[in-house]
Amino acid sequence: MTDPQFKEFFQDVLITVYANIRDLHEKQGFADPEEQDYISGRLFSYEEILAIFRMSANDTGVNPKELGL
């Protein structure tokens, strides 16, 4: 995999993660109580993924902002 291919792949992953977070925040406003816990859990998981990406970027000397984090 070339560097440009990896950047494109990673940007696509981030776009999907951010879109899913946005979608869940929208659904949260209309969800009934049973769904609230499920949505909160999913949001927490997505935030954890982003935190792992940021931590790994920092650990490897990559600026997280350059990756869209």
Protein backbone atom coordinates (compact mmCIF):
# COMPACT_ATOMS: atom_id res chain seq x y z
CA MET A 1 0.00 0.00 0.00
CA THR A 2 1.39 3.37 -0.93
CA ASP A 3 1.33 6.40 1.36
CA PRO A 4 -1.37 8.18 -0.70
CA GLN A 5 -3.50 5.02 -0.69
CA PHE A 6 -3.20 4.73 3.07
CA LYS A 7 -4.09 8.39 3.57
CA GLU A 8 -7.16 7.98 1.36
CA PHE A 9 -8.15 4.81 3.21
CA PHE A 10 -7.72 6.42 6.62
CA GLN A 11 -9.62 9.56 5.59
CA ASP A 12 -12.48 7.36 4.35
CA VAL A 13 -12.55 5.53 7.70
CA LEU A 14 -12.63 8.84 9.60
CA ILE A 15 -15.38 10.25 7.40
CA THR A 16 -17.46 7.16 8.13
CA VAL A 17 -16.80 7.32 11.88
CA TYR A 18 -17.69 11.04 12.06
CA ALA A 19 -20.82 10.47 9.93
CA ASN A 20 -21.92 7.66 12.24
CA ILE A 21 -21.36 9.85 15.31
CA ARG A 22 -23.41 12.66 13.75
CA ASP A 23 -26.17 10.22 12.80
CA LEU A 24 -26.30 8.80 16.32
CA HIS A 25 -26.49 12.28 17.86
CA GLU A 26 -29.46 13.04 15.61
CA LYS A 27 -31.17 9.76 16.53
CA GLN A 28 -30.53 10.37 20.20
CA GLY A 29 -32.88 13.36 20.16
CA PHE A 30 -35.79 11.18 19.05
CA ALA A 31 -34.96 7.88 20.71
CA ASP A 32 -37.10 6.31 23.38
CA PRO A 33 -35.54 5.46 26.75
CA GLU A 34 -34.56 1.90 25.78
CA GLU A 35 -32.70 3.16 22.72
CA GLN A 36 -30.90 5.90 24.65
CA ASP A 37 -28.59 3.44 26.41
CA TYR A 38 -27.81 1.65 23.17
CA ILE A 39 -27.04 4.92 21.37
CA SER A 40 -24.94 6.17 24.28
CA GLY A 41 -22.93 2.96 24.20
CA ARG A 42 -22.30 3.27 20.48
CA LEU A 43 -21.28 6.91 20.84
CA PHE A 44 -18.88 5.95 23.60
CA SER A 45 -17.35 3.27 21.37
CA TYR A 46 -16.84 5.70 18.49
CA GLU A 47 -15.25 8.25 20.82
CA GLU A 48 -12.93 5.52 22.12
CA ILE A 49 -11.89 4.69 18.56
CA LEU A 50 -11.08 8.35 17.90
CA ALA A 51 -9.13 8.55 21.17
CA ILE A 52 -7.10 5.47 20.18
CA PHE A 53 -6.34 7.03 16.78
CA ARG A 54 -5.23 10.28 18.46
CA MET A 55 -3.07 8.45 20.99
CA SER A 56 -1.45 6.31 18.30
CA ALA A 57 -0.80 9.38 16.16
CA ASN A 58 0.85 11.15 19.08
CA ASP A 59 2.88 8.05 19.99
CA THR A 60 4.22 7.77 16.45
CA GLY A 61 4.96 11.48 16.06
CA VAL A 62 2.11 12.17 13.65
CA ASN A 63 0.11 15.35 14.13
CA PRO A 64 -3.50 14.20 14.78
CA LYS A 65 -4.87 17.31 13.07
CA GLU A 66 -3.11 16.30 9.86
CA LEU A 67 -5.14 13.10 9.96
CA GLY A 68 -8.42 14.87 10.56
CA LEU A 69 -8.53 14.05 14.25
